[in-house]
N, C-alpha and C. Protein backbone atom coordinates (compact mmCIF):
# COMPACT_ATOMS: atom_id res chain seq x y z
N MET A 1 0.82 -1.20 0.00
CA MET A 1 0.00 0.00 0.00
C MET A 1 0.86 1.26 0.00
N LYS A 2 1.98 1.24 0.73
CA LYS A 2 2.88 2.38 0.76
C LYS A 2 3.45 2.66 -0.62
N LYS A 3 3.76 1.56 -1.35
CA LYS A 3 4.28 1.73 -2.72
C LYS A 3 3.23 2.38 -3.60
N LEU A 4 1.97 1.98 -3.43
CA LEU A 4 0.90 2.55 -4.24
C LEU A 4 0.75 4.03 -3.96
N VAL A 5 0.75 4.41 -2.69
CA VAL A 5 0.64 5.83 -2.32
C VAL A 5 1.80 6.63 -2.90
N LEU A 6 3.02 6.05 -2.85
CA LEU A 6 4.20 6.73 -3.38
C LEU A 6 4.08 6.94 -4.88
N VAL A 7 3.64 5.89 -5.61
CA VAL A 7 3.50 5.99 -7.06
C VAL A 7 2.49 7.06 -7.44
N VAL A 8 1.33 7.05 -6.76
CA VAL A 8 0.28 8.03 -7.06
C VAL A 8 0.75 9.44 -6.73
N SER A 9 1.46 9.60 -5.61
CA SER A 9 1.96 10.92 -5.21
C SER A 9 2.94 11.47 -6.24
N ILE A 10 3.86 10.61 -6.70
CA ILE A 10 4.83 11.05 -7.71
C ILE A 10 4.11 11.42 -9.01
N SER A 11 3.09 10.63 -9.37
CA SER A 11 2.34 10.89 -10.60
C SER A 11 1.67 12.25 -10.53
N PHE A 12 1.01 12.55 -9.41
CA PHE A 12 0.33 13.82 -9.28
C PHE A 12 1.32 14.98 -9.24
N LEU A 13 2.51 14.77 -8.66
CA LEU A 13 3.52 15.81 -8.61
C LEU A 13 3.98 16.17 -10.01
N CYS A 14 4.26 15.14 -10.82
CA CYS A 14 4.70 15.37 -12.21
C CYS A 14 3.60 16.04 -13.02
N ILE A 15 2.36 15.56 -12.80
CA ILE A 15 1.23 16.13 -13.52
C ILE A 15 1.02 17.59 -13.14
N GLY A 16 1.14 17.88 -11.86
CA GLY A 16 0.94 19.25 -11.40
C GLY A 16 1.95 20.21 -11.98
N ASN A 17 3.21 19.76 -12.11
CA ASN A 17 4.25 20.64 -12.63
C ASN A 17 4.03 20.99 -14.09
N SER A 18 3.47 20.04 -14.86
CA SER A 18 3.31 20.29 -16.29
C SER A 18 1.94 20.83 -16.65
N PHE A 19 0.98 20.76 -15.73
CA PHE A 19 -0.39 21.12 -16.08
C PHE A 19 -0.51 22.60 -16.45
N GLY A 20 0.17 23.47 -15.69
CA GLY A 20 0.08 24.90 -15.96
C GLY A 20 0.56 25.23 -17.36
N GLN A 21 1.67 24.63 -17.78
CA GLN A 21 2.21 24.90 -19.11
C GLN A 21 1.25 24.39 -20.18
N ASP A 22 0.66 23.21 -19.97
CA ASP A 22 -0.25 22.65 -20.96
C ASP A 22 -1.51 23.47 -21.09
N ILE A 23 -2.02 23.99 -19.96
CA ILE A 23 -3.21 24.84 -20.00
C ILE A 23 -2.92 26.10 -20.81
N ASP A 24 -1.74 26.70 -20.61
CA ASP A 24 -1.37 27.88 -21.38
C ASP A 24 -1.36 27.58 -22.87
N SER A 25 -0.82 26.40 -23.25
CA SER A 25 -0.76 26.03 -24.66
C SER A 25 -2.17 25.84 -25.22
N LEU A 26 -3.04 25.20 -24.43
CA LEU A 26 -4.40 24.97 -24.86
C LEU A 26 -5.15 26.28 -25.03
N LEU A 27 -4.99 27.19 -24.07
CA LEU A 27 -5.67 28.47 -24.16
C LEU A 27 -5.18 29.28 -25.35
N LEU A 28 -3.89 29.19 -25.66
CA LEU A 28 -3.34 29.88 -26.82
C LEU A 28 -3.98 29.34 -28.10
N MET A 29 -4.14 28.02 -28.16
CA MET A 29 -4.77 27.41 -29.32
C MET A 29 -6.21 27.88 -29.46
N LEU A 30 -6.93 27.96 -28.32
CA LEU A 30 -8.32 28.39 -28.36
C LEU A 30 -8.44 29.86 -28.75
N GLU A 31 -7.50 30.68 -28.28
CA GLU A 31 -7.51 32.08 -28.64
C GLU A 31 -7.26 32.27 -30.13
N THR A 32 -6.38 31.44 -30.69
CA THR A 32 -6.08 31.51 -32.11
C THR A 32 -7.31 31.15 -32.93
N GLU A 33 -8.11 30.20 -32.42
CA GLU A 33 -9.32 29.78 -33.13
C GLU A 33 -10.30 30.93 -33.28
N SER A 34 -10.31 31.85 -32.32
CA SER A 34 -11.31 32.90 -32.32
C SER A 34 -10.87 34.16 -33.06
N GLU A 35 -9.71 34.12 -33.72
CA GLU A 35 -9.22 35.27 -34.46
C GLU A 35 -9.89 35.35 -35.83
N ALA A 36 -10.29 36.54 -36.21
CA ALA A 36 -10.79 36.85 -37.55
C ALA A 36 -11.77 35.81 -38.08
N PRO A 37 -12.95 35.67 -37.46
CA PRO A 37 -13.91 34.69 -37.93
C PRO A 37 -14.43 35.05 -39.33
N THR A 38 -14.48 34.08 -40.22
CA THR A 38 -14.98 34.30 -41.57
C THR A 38 -16.36 33.66 -41.74
N ALA A 39 -16.75 32.78 -40.84
CA ALA A 39 -18.06 32.12 -40.88
C ALA A 39 -18.43 31.72 -39.47
N LEU A 40 -19.71 31.50 -39.26
CA LEU A 40 -20.15 31.13 -37.91
C LEU A 40 -19.81 29.69 -37.56
N LEU A 41 -19.74 28.82 -38.58
CA LEU A 41 -19.40 27.41 -38.35
C LEU A 41 -18.28 26.99 -39.29
N PRO A 42 -17.43 26.09 -38.85
CA PRO A 42 -16.35 25.61 -39.73
C PRO A 42 -16.89 24.68 -40.82
N ASP A 43 -16.11 24.48 -41.85
CA ASP A 43 -16.53 23.59 -42.93
C ASP A 43 -16.62 22.14 -42.48
N ARG A 44 -15.72 21.76 -41.56
CA ARG A 44 -15.67 20.38 -41.10
C ARG A 44 -15.91 20.32 -39.59
N MET A 45 -16.74 19.36 -39.18
CA MET A 45 -17.03 19.14 -37.77
C MET A 45 -17.13 17.65 -37.52
N MET A 46 -16.86 17.25 -36.29
CA MET A 46 -17.10 15.87 -35.90
C MET A 46 -18.60 15.60 -35.91
N VAL A 47 -18.98 14.36 -36.15
CA VAL A 47 -20.39 13.98 -36.17
C VAL A 47 -21.05 14.34 -34.85
N THR A 48 -20.34 14.09 -33.75
CA THR A 48 -20.90 14.39 -32.43
C THR A 48 -21.14 15.88 -32.24
N GLN A 49 -20.31 16.71 -32.87
CA GLN A 49 -20.52 18.16 -32.80
C GLN A 49 -21.66 18.58 -33.71
N ARG A 50 -21.72 17.99 -34.91
CA ARG A 50 -22.76 18.37 -35.87
C ARG A 50 -24.16 18.05 -35.33
N ILE A 51 -24.28 16.95 -34.57
CA ILE A 51 -25.59 16.56 -34.04
C ILE A 51 -26.18 17.66 -33.17
N PHE A 52 -25.33 18.30 -32.37
CA PHE A 52 -25.82 19.32 -31.44
C PHE A 52 -25.60 20.75 -31.94
N TRP A 53 -24.43 21.00 -32.56
CA TRP A 53 -24.02 22.37 -32.84
C TRP A 53 -24.06 22.73 -34.33
N GLY A 54 -24.38 21.78 -35.18
CA GLY A 54 -24.44 22.04 -36.62
C GLY A 54 -25.55 23.00 -36.97
N GLU A 55 -25.57 23.41 -38.23
CA GLU A 55 -26.58 24.37 -38.68
C GLU A 55 -27.99 23.85 -38.44
N LYS A 56 -28.16 22.52 -38.56
CA LYS A 56 -29.45 21.90 -38.30
C LYS A 56 -29.38 20.99 -37.08
N GLY A 57 -28.44 21.28 -36.18
CA GLY A 57 -28.28 20.49 -34.98
C GLY A 57 -29.43 20.67 -34.00
N LEU A 58 -29.45 19.81 -32.99
CA LEU A 58 -30.56 19.82 -32.03
C LEU A 58 -30.70 21.16 -31.31
N LEU A 59 -29.58 21.78 -30.97
CA LEU A 59 -29.65 23.05 -30.25
C LEU A 59 -30.14 24.18 -31.15
N ARG A 60 -30.00 24.02 -32.47
CA ARG A 60 -30.51 25.03 -33.41
C ARG A 60 -32.00 24.83 -33.67
N THR A 61 -32.37 23.59 -33.99
CA THR A 61 -33.76 23.32 -34.37
C THR A 61 -34.73 23.48 -33.20
N THR A 62 -34.23 23.27 -31.98
CA THR A 62 -35.10 23.44 -30.81
C THR A 62 -35.17 24.89 -30.35
N GLY A 63 -34.31 25.74 -30.91
CA GLY A 63 -34.32 27.15 -30.53
C GLY A 63 -33.57 27.46 -29.26
N ILE A 64 -32.88 26.47 -28.68
CA ILE A 64 -32.14 26.71 -27.44
C ILE A 64 -30.97 27.66 -27.69
N LEU A 65 -30.23 27.42 -28.78
CA LEU A 65 -29.11 28.28 -29.15
C LEU A 65 -29.13 28.49 -30.67
N PRO A 66 -29.91 29.44 -31.13
CA PRO A 66 -29.93 29.72 -32.57
C PRO A 66 -28.53 30.10 -33.07
N LEU A 67 -28.29 29.86 -34.34
CA LEU A 67 -26.99 30.13 -34.93
C LEU A 67 -26.85 31.62 -35.21
N THR A 68 -26.32 32.34 -34.21
CA THR A 68 -26.08 33.77 -34.34
C THR A 68 -24.66 34.07 -33.89
N GLU A 69 -24.17 35.25 -34.25
CA GLU A 69 -22.81 35.63 -33.88
C GLU A 69 -22.64 35.70 -32.37
N SER A 70 -23.63 36.28 -31.69
CA SER A 70 -23.53 36.40 -30.24
C SER A 70 -23.54 35.03 -29.55
N ASN A 71 -24.34 34.11 -30.09
CA ASN A 71 -24.38 32.77 -29.51
C ASN A 71 -23.09 32.01 -29.78
N ARG A 72 -22.49 32.24 -30.96
CA ARG A 72 -21.22 31.57 -31.26
C ARG A 72 -20.12 32.04 -30.31
N ILE A 73 -20.16 33.29 -29.93
CA ILE A 73 -19.18 33.80 -28.96
C ILE A 73 -19.37 33.08 -27.62
N LYS A 74 -20.63 32.87 -27.22
CA LYS A 74 -20.91 32.12 -25.99
C LYS A 74 -20.42 30.68 -26.12
N GLU A 75 -20.63 30.10 -27.30
CA GLU A 75 -20.23 28.72 -27.52
C GLU A 75 -18.71 28.54 -27.45
N LEU A 76 -17.97 29.53 -27.93
CA LEU A 76 -16.51 29.44 -27.87
C LEU A 76 -16.03 29.48 -26.41
N LYS A 77 -16.74 30.22 -25.57
CA LYS A 77 -16.42 30.24 -24.14
C LYS A 77 -16.74 28.88 -23.51
N ILE A 78 -17.87 28.31 -23.93
CA ILE A 78 -18.23 26.96 -23.45
C ILE A 78 -17.18 25.95 -23.90
N ARG A 79 -16.74 26.09 -25.17
CA ARG A 79 -15.73 25.20 -25.71
C ARG A 79 -14.44 25.29 -24.90
N ARG A 80 -14.03 26.48 -24.57
CA ARG A 80 -12.82 26.69 -23.78
C ARG A 80 -12.93 25.95 -22.45
N THR A 81 -14.05 26.15 -21.76
CA THR A 81 -14.24 25.52 -20.44
C THR A 81 -14.24 24.00 -20.56
N MET A 82 -14.93 23.47 -21.58
CA MET A 82 -15.03 22.02 -21.75
C MET A 82 -13.67 21.40 -22.06
N LEU A 83 -12.86 22.07 -22.91
CA LEU A 83 -11.57 21.49 -23.29
C LEU A 83 -10.55 21.59 -22.16
N VAL A 84 -10.60 22.66 -21.39
CA VAL A 84 -9.70 22.77 -20.23
C VAL A 84 -10.06 21.70 -19.20
N THR A 85 -11.37 21.51 -18.97
CA THR A 85 -11.82 20.45 -18.04
C THR A 85 -11.44 19.08 -18.57
N HIS A 86 -11.56 18.89 -19.88
CA HIS A 86 -11.15 17.64 -20.53
C HIS A 86 -9.68 17.34 -20.24
N GLN A 87 -8.84 18.36 -20.34
CA GLN A 87 -7.41 18.16 -20.10
C GLN A 87 -7.14 17.85 -18.63
N LEU A 88 -7.80 18.56 -17.74
CA LEU A 88 -7.62 18.32 -16.31
C LEU A 88 -8.03 16.90 -15.93
N LEU A 89 -9.18 16.48 -16.45
CA LEU A 89 -9.64 15.11 -16.18
C LEU A 89 -8.69 14.08 -16.78
N GLY A 90 -8.09 14.43 -17.92
CA GLY A 90 -7.13 13.53 -18.55
C GLY A 90 -5.95 13.24 -17.65
N TYR A 91 -5.41 14.27 -17.01
CA TYR A 91 -4.27 14.07 -16.11
C TYR A 91 -4.68 13.25 -14.88
N ALA A 92 -5.86 13.56 -14.33
CA ALA A 92 -6.33 12.82 -13.16
C ALA A 92 -6.57 11.35 -13.52
N THR A 93 -7.13 11.12 -14.71
CA THR A 93 -7.39 9.75 -15.16
C THR A 93 -6.09 9.00 -15.38
N LEU A 94 -5.08 9.67 -15.92
CA LEU A 94 -3.79 9.03 -16.15
C LEU A 94 -3.18 8.59 -14.82
N ALA A 95 -3.27 9.43 -13.80
CA ALA A 95 -2.77 9.05 -12.48
C ALA A 95 -3.54 7.85 -11.92
N GLY A 96 -4.87 7.86 -12.15
CA GLY A 96 -5.68 6.74 -11.71
C GLY A 96 -5.32 5.44 -12.42
N MET A 97 -4.99 5.55 -13.72
CA MET A 97 -4.58 4.37 -14.48
C MET A 97 -3.28 3.78 -13.93
N ILE A 98 -2.35 4.67 -13.56
CA ILE A 98 -1.08 4.21 -13.01
C ILE A 98 -1.33 3.44 -11.70
N ALA A 99 -2.17 4.03 -10.84
CA ALA A 99 -2.48 3.37 -9.57
C ALA A 99 -3.19 2.03 -9.81
N GLN A 100 -4.13 2.02 -10.75
CA GLN A 100 -4.85 0.79 -11.06
C GLN A 100 -3.92 -0.27 -11.62
N GLY A 101 -2.93 0.16 -12.42
CA GLY A 101 -1.96 -0.78 -12.97
C GLY A 101 -1.11 -1.42 -11.90
N VAL A 102 -0.71 -0.62 -10.90
CA VAL A 102 0.10 -1.15 -9.80
C VAL A 102 -0.70 -2.19 -9.02
N VAL A 103 -1.94 -1.85 -8.72
CA VAL A 103 -2.79 -2.78 -7.96
C VAL A 103 -3.10 -4.02 -8.79
N GLY A 104 -3.36 -3.82 -10.09
CA GLY A 104 -3.65 -4.96 -10.96
C GLY A 104 -2.50 -5.93 -11.05
N GLN A 105 -1.28 -5.39 -11.11
CA GLN A 105 -0.10 -6.26 -11.17
C GLN A 105 0.02 -7.10 -9.90
N ARG A 106 -0.28 -6.50 -8.78
CA ARG A 106 -0.21 -7.24 -7.52
C ARG A 106 -1.32 -8.29 -7.43
N LEU A 107 -2.46 -8.01 -8.06
CA LEU A 107 -3.53 -9.01 -8.11
C LEU A 107 -3.09 -10.22 -8.93
N TYR A 108 -2.42 -9.96 -10.06
CA TYR A 108 -1.94 -11.05 -10.90
C TYR A 108 -0.90 -11.89 -10.17
N GLN A 109 -0.25 -11.28 -9.16
CA GLN A 109 0.75 -12.00 -8.38
C GLN A 109 0.13 -12.75 -7.21
N GLY A 110 -1.20 -12.68 -7.10
CA GLY A 110 -1.89 -13.48 -6.10
C GLY A 110 -2.35 -12.75 -4.86
N GLU A 111 -2.26 -11.43 -4.83
CA GLU A 111 -2.71 -10.67 -3.66
C GLU A 111 -4.19 -10.34 -3.82
N GLY A 112 -5.02 -11.34 -3.59
CA GLY A 112 -6.46 -11.22 -3.82
C GLY A 112 -7.16 -10.20 -2.95
N GLN A 113 -6.57 -9.81 -1.82
CA GLN A 113 -7.22 -8.87 -0.92
C GLN A 113 -7.32 -7.46 -1.51
N LEU A 114 -6.65 -7.24 -2.63
CA LEU A 114 -6.68 -5.93 -3.27
C LEU A 114 -7.77 -5.82 -4.33
N GLY A 115 -8.63 -6.83 -4.41
CA GLY A 115 -9.67 -6.85 -5.43
C GLY A 115 -10.62 -5.67 -5.34
N ASP A 116 -11.07 -5.35 -4.12
CA ASP A 116 -12.00 -4.24 -3.95
C ASP A 116 -11.36 -2.90 -4.33
N LEU A 117 -10.08 -2.73 -3.96
CA LEU A 117 -9.38 -1.50 -4.30
C LEU A 117 -9.24 -1.36 -5.82
N HIS A 118 -8.94 -2.49 -6.47
CA HIS A 118 -8.80 -2.47 -7.92
C HIS A 118 -10.11 -2.10 -8.60
N GLU A 119 -11.22 -2.63 -8.10
CA GLU A 119 -12.53 -2.32 -8.67
C GLU A 119 -12.89 -0.86 -8.43
N GLY A 120 -12.55 -0.35 -7.24
CA GLY A 120 -12.82 1.06 -6.95
C GLY A 120 -12.05 2.00 -7.86
N LEU A 121 -10.76 1.67 -8.08
CA LEU A 121 -9.95 2.47 -8.98
C LEU A 121 -10.46 2.39 -10.41
N ALA A 122 -10.90 1.20 -10.80
CA ALA A 122 -11.45 1.01 -12.15
C ALA A 122 -12.68 1.88 -12.36
N GLY A 123 -13.53 1.94 -11.35
CA GLY A 123 -14.73 2.77 -11.44
C GLY A 123 -14.38 4.25 -11.59
N ALA A 124 -13.41 4.70 -10.78
CA ALA A 124 -13.00 6.10 -10.84
C ALA A 124 -12.36 6.44 -12.19
N VAL A 125 -11.53 5.52 -12.68
CA VAL A 125 -10.88 5.73 -13.98
C VAL A 125 -11.92 5.79 -15.09
N ASN A 126 -12.91 4.91 -15.05
CA ASN A 126 -13.95 4.91 -16.07
C ASN A 126 -14.75 6.22 -16.07
N VAL A 127 -15.10 6.69 -14.89
CA VAL A 127 -15.85 7.95 -14.79
C VAL A 127 -15.03 9.10 -15.37
N GLY A 128 -13.76 9.18 -14.94
CA GLY A 128 -12.89 10.26 -15.43
C GLY A 128 -12.66 10.16 -16.93
N TYR A 129 -12.41 8.93 -17.41
CA TYR A 129 -12.09 8.74 -18.82
C TYR A 129 -13.26 9.11 -19.72
N PHE A 130 -14.42 8.52 -19.47
CA PHE A 130 -15.55 8.72 -20.38
C PHE A 130 -16.17 10.12 -20.22
N THR A 131 -16.06 10.71 -19.04
CA THR A 131 -16.50 12.10 -18.89
C THR A 131 -15.59 13.02 -19.70
N GLY A 132 -14.28 12.79 -19.60
CA GLY A 132 -13.33 13.59 -20.38
C GLY A 132 -13.54 13.42 -21.88
N ALA A 133 -13.81 12.18 -22.31
CA ALA A 133 -14.06 11.93 -23.73
C ALA A 133 -15.29 12.67 -24.21
N ALA A 134 -16.36 12.65 -23.39
CA ALA A 134 -17.59 13.33 -23.77
C ALA A 134 -17.38 14.84 -23.88
N LEU A 135 -16.58 15.40 -22.98
CA LEU A 135 -16.31 16.84 -23.03
C LEU A 135 -15.62 17.23 -24.33
N SER A 136 -14.76 16.36 -24.84
CA SER A 136 -14.07 16.65 -26.09
C SER A 136 -14.98 16.41 -27.30
N LEU A 137 -15.68 15.28 -27.31
CA LEU A 137 -16.50 14.91 -28.47
C LEU A 137 -17.69 15.83 -28.67
N PHE A 138 -18.26 16.33 -27.58
CA PHE A 138 -19.49 17.11 -27.69
C PHE A 138 -19.27 18.60 -27.45
N SER A 139 -18.04 19.04 -27.43
CA SER A 139 -17.78 20.47 -27.27
C SER A 139 -18.20 21.22 -28.53
N PRO A 140 -18.57 22.49 -28.42
CA PRO A 140 -18.90 23.27 -29.61
C PRO A 140 -17.72 23.32 -30.57
N PRO A 141 -17.96 23.40 -31.86
CA PRO A 141 -16.86 23.42 -32.83
C PRO A 141 -16.13 24.76 -32.81
N PRO A 142 -14.89 24.79 -33.28
CA PRO A 142 -14.17 26.07 -33.39
C PRO A 142 -14.74 26.88 -34.55
N LEU A 143 -14.26 28.10 -34.70
CA LEU A 143 -14.73 28.91 -35.82
C LEU A 143 -14.12 28.45 -37.14
N ILE A 144 -12.88 27.97 -37.06
CA ILE A 144 -12.16 27.58 -38.26
C ILE A 144 -11.65 26.15 -38.10
N SER A 145 -11.85 25.34 -39.12
CA SER A 145 -11.31 23.98 -39.14
C SER A 145 -10.06 23.98 -40.00
N ARG A 146 -8.90 23.94 -39.35
CA ARG A 146 -7.64 24.04 -40.08
C ARG A 146 -7.18 22.66 -40.56
N GLN A 147 -6.66 22.64 -41.78
CA GLN A 147 -6.08 21.42 -42.33
C GLN A 147 -4.58 21.62 -42.47
N VAL A 148 -3.82 20.83 -41.73
CA VAL A 148 -2.36 20.92 -41.75
C VAL A 148 -1.80 19.68 -42.40
N LYS A 149 -0.92 19.87 -43.38
CA LYS A 149 -0.32 18.72 -44.07
C LYS A 149 0.67 18.02 -43.15
N GLY A 150 0.75 16.71 -43.29
CA GLY A 150 1.69 15.95 -42.48
C GLY A 150 1.17 15.67 -41.09
N LEU A 151 2.01 15.04 -40.30
CA LEU A 151 1.64 14.66 -38.94
C LEU A 151 2.03 15.76 -37.96
N ASN A 152 1.07 16.17 -37.15
CA ASN A 152 1.37 17.13 -36.09
C ASN A 152 0.81 16.60 -34.77
N SER A 153 0.98 17.37 -33.71
CA SER A 153 0.59 16.90 -32.39
C SER A 153 -0.91 16.64 -32.29
N ILE A 154 -1.72 17.48 -32.93
CA ILE A 154 -3.17 17.31 -32.85
C ILE A 154 -3.61 16.05 -33.58
N LYS A 155 -3.04 15.81 -34.77
CA LYS A 155 -3.38 14.59 -35.52
C LYS A 155 -2.93 13.35 -34.75
N ALA A 156 -1.74 13.41 -34.18
CA ALA A 156 -1.24 12.27 -33.40
C ALA A 156 -2.13 12.02 -32.18
N HIS A 157 -2.58 13.11 -31.56
CA HIS A 157 -3.47 13.02 -30.40
C HIS A 157 -4.76 12.30 -30.79
N LYS A 158 -5.33 12.65 -31.96
CA LYS A 158 -6.58 12.04 -32.41
C LYS A 158 -6.40 10.57 -32.76
N ILE A 159 -5.26 10.24 -33.40
CA ILE A 159 -5.00 8.84 -33.76
C ILE A 159 -4.88 7.99 -32.49
N LEU A 160 -4.11 8.49 -31.54
CA LEU A 160 -3.95 7.76 -30.28
C LEU A 160 -5.26 7.68 -29.51
N ALA A 161 -6.09 8.72 -29.65
CA ALA A 161 -7.39 8.71 -28.97
C ALA A 161 -8.27 7.58 -29.48
N SER A 162 -8.24 7.35 -30.79
CA SER A 162 -9.04 6.25 -31.34
C SER A 162 -8.54 4.90 -30.84
N VAL A 163 -7.22 4.81 -30.63
CA VAL A 163 -6.64 3.56 -30.11
C VAL A 163 -7.03 3.34 -28.66
N HIS A 164 -6.83 4.36 -27.81
CA HIS A 164 -7.12 4.13 -26.38
C HIS A 164 -8.63 4.04 -26.11
N MET A 165 -9.44 4.66 -26.95
CA MET A 165 -10.90 4.51 -26.78
C MET A 165 -11.31 3.06 -27.05
N SER A 166 -10.81 2.49 -28.16
CA SER A 166 -11.12 1.10 -28.49
C SER A 166 -10.61 0.14 -27.41
N ALA A 167 -9.37 0.38 -26.95
CA ALA A 167 -8.78 -0.48 -25.93
C ALA A 167 -9.51 -0.35 -24.60
N MET A 168 -9.97 0.86 -24.29
CA MET A 168 -10.69 1.08 -23.04
C MET A 168 -12.02 0.34 -23.04
N ILE A 169 -12.71 0.38 -24.16
CA ILE A 169 -13.98 -0.33 -24.28
C ILE A 169 -13.75 -1.84 -24.14
N ALA A 170 -12.69 -2.34 -24.82
CA ALA A 170 -12.37 -3.77 -24.73
C ALA A 170 -12.01 -4.16 -23.30
N THR A 171 -11.27 -3.32 -22.61
CA THR A 171 -10.89 -3.59 -21.22
C THR A 171 -12.12 -3.76 -20.34
N ASN A 172 -13.11 -2.89 -20.53
CA ASN A 172 -14.32 -2.96 -19.72
C ASN A 172 -15.16 -4.18 -20.07
N ILE A 173 -15.22 -4.52 -21.36
CA ILE A 173 -15.99 -5.69 -21.77
C ILE A 173 -15.40 -6.97 -21.17
N LEU A 174 -14.06 -7.02 -21.12
CA LEU A 174 -13.37 -8.22 -20.63
C LEU A 174 -13.18 -8.24 -19.11
N ALA A 175 -13.55 -7.14 -18.44
CA ALA A 175 -13.29 -7.04 -17.00
C ALA A 175 -13.95 -8.17 -16.22
N ASP A 176 -15.21 -8.50 -16.55
CA ASP A 176 -15.94 -9.54 -15.82
C ASP A 176 -15.40 -10.94 -16.10
N LYS A 177 -14.62 -11.08 -17.18
CA LYS A 177 -14.08 -12.39 -17.55
C LYS A 177 -12.60 -12.52 -17.20
N ALA A 178 -12.06 -11.51 -16.51
CA ALA A 178 -10.62 -11.49 -16.25
C ALA A 178 -10.14 -12.63 -15.37
N GLU A 179 -11.06 -13.20 -14.57
CA GLU A 179 -10.66 -14.31 -13.70
C GLU A 179 -10.46 -15.60 -14.48
N ASP A 180 -10.99 -15.65 -15.68
CA ASP A 180 -10.82 -16.81 -16.56
C ASP A 180 -9.47 -16.68 -17.25
N PRO A 181 -8.57 -17.66 -17.08
CA PRO A 181 -7.24 -17.58 -17.69
C PRO A 181 -7.27 -17.36 -19.19
N ARG A 182 -8.36 -17.78 -19.85
CA ARG A 182 -8.45 -17.60 -21.30
C ARG A 182 -8.59 -16.12 -21.67
N TYR A 183 -9.18 -15.34 -20.77
CA TYR A 183 -9.41 -13.93 -21.05
C TYR A 183 -8.49 -13.00 -20.27
N ALA A 184 -7.83 -13.52 -19.25
CA ALA A 184 -7.02 -12.67 -18.38
C ALA A 184 -5.91 -11.96 -19.15
N LYS A 185 -5.21 -12.69 -20.01
CA LYS A 185 -4.11 -12.08 -20.76
C LYS A 185 -4.61 -11.05 -21.76
N ILE A 186 -5.76 -11.33 -22.38
CA ILE A 186 -6.33 -10.38 -23.34
C ILE A 186 -6.77 -9.11 -22.62
N HIS A 187 -7.40 -9.29 -21.45
CA HIS A 187 -7.83 -8.14 -20.64
C HIS A 187 -6.62 -7.29 -20.25
N ARG A 188 -5.58 -7.96 -19.84
CA ARG A 188 -4.36 -7.25 -19.42
C ARG A 188 -3.73 -6.50 -20.59
N ALA A 189 -3.69 -7.16 -21.76
CA ALA A 189 -3.12 -6.51 -22.95
C ALA A 189 -3.94 -5.29 -23.36
N ALA A 190 -5.26 -5.42 -23.29
CA ALA A 190 -6.12 -4.29 -23.62
C ALA A 190 -5.91 -3.13 -22.66
N ALA A 191 -5.75 -3.46 -21.36
CA ALA A 191 -5.54 -2.41 -20.35
C ALA A 191 -4.21 -1.69 -20.58
N PHE A 192 -3.14 -2.45 -20.89
CA PHE A 192 -1.85 -1.82 -21.15
C PHE A 192 -1.88 -0.99 -22.43
N THR A 193 -2.63 -1.46 -23.43
CA THR A 193 -2.76 -0.70 -24.68
C THR A 193 -3.49 0.62 -24.42
N ALA A 194 -4.55 0.56 -23.63
CA ALA A 194 -5.31 1.77 -23.29
C ALA A 194 -4.43 2.76 -22.55
N PHE A 195 -3.66 2.25 -21.58
CA PHE A 195 -2.79 3.14 -20.82
C PHE A 195 -1.70 3.75 -21.70
N GLY A 196 -1.04 2.91 -22.51
CA GLY A 196 0.04 3.39 -23.36
C GLY A 196 -0.42 4.45 -24.35
N ALA A 197 -1.56 4.18 -25.01
CA ALA A 197 -2.07 5.14 -25.99
C ALA A 197 -2.57 6.41 -25.31
N PHE A 198 -3.17 6.26 -24.13
CA PHE A 198 -3.67 7.43 -23.40
C PHE A 198 -2.51 8.30 -22.93
N ALA A 199 -1.47 7.66 -22.40
CA ALA A 199 -0.29 8.41 -21.98
C ALA A 199 0.36 9.10 -23.17
N GLY A 200 0.45 8.38 -24.31
CA GLY A 200 1.02 8.97 -25.51
C GLY A 200 0.23 10.16 -26.00
N ALA A 201 -1.11 10.05 -25.96
CA ALA A 201 -1.98 11.16 -26.39
C ALA A 201 -1.78 12.38 -25.50
N THR A 202 -1.51 12.14 -24.23
CA THR A 202 -1.27 13.25 -23.30
C THR A 202 0.09 13.90 -23.58
N ILE A 203 1.09 13.08 -23.84
CA ILE A 203 2.44 13.59 -24.04
C ILE A 203 2.57 14.39 -25.34
N VAL A 204 1.94 13.90 -26.44
CA VAL A 204 2.13 14.57 -27.74
C VAL A 204 1.58 15.98 -27.73
N MET A 205 0.61 16.28 -26.87
CA MET A 205 0.06 17.63 -26.85
C MET A 205 1.02 18.63 -26.24
N LYS A 206 2.16 18.17 -25.71
CA LYS A 206 3.17 19.06 -25.15
C LYS A 206 4.16 19.50 -26.22
N PHE A 207 4.08 18.94 -27.42
CA PHE A 207 5.05 19.23 -28.46
C PHE A 207 4.38 19.86 -29.68
């Protein structure tokens, strides 16, 4: 247990030191998005954004947020808040994954008394992960959808996001079967894949 507390403490310390710099980078990106708007909506949006924020999205057709310049300004503020919260939850979730990995490894070594702790950490990680994902997927779109040739940090972040999302879903599906040796290794591989891709997605946004 002392080792677990030490690992989590170190994780939060490292996360805390870098969080301020990452928030500044994110805010700079958001400020750049709001420069010199040429249209109220970008040419390209994610399907999840189009459903709610598109020209014929639910928030438009219901009259909750008509597509106007003043409302788009409000939406960009909402977008800022959602993406900053998404990043904060990402760091907390990463720390939770590290703690869950430590406990999970000890479970595989036969320390069955840690089962409840592992399940509790799994629940917290799932809440943080899927809440953070929803904040990103359903945030209002930017004013401009930029297309950059080649691989950059944002593209790498999105590619890794698709990997860790798939692995995270697989990990949860296999969680109830993890006690079966036939599924235990697959569950473990999915969990390590989710952690690796999630950590990578967090790191690439620093470059």
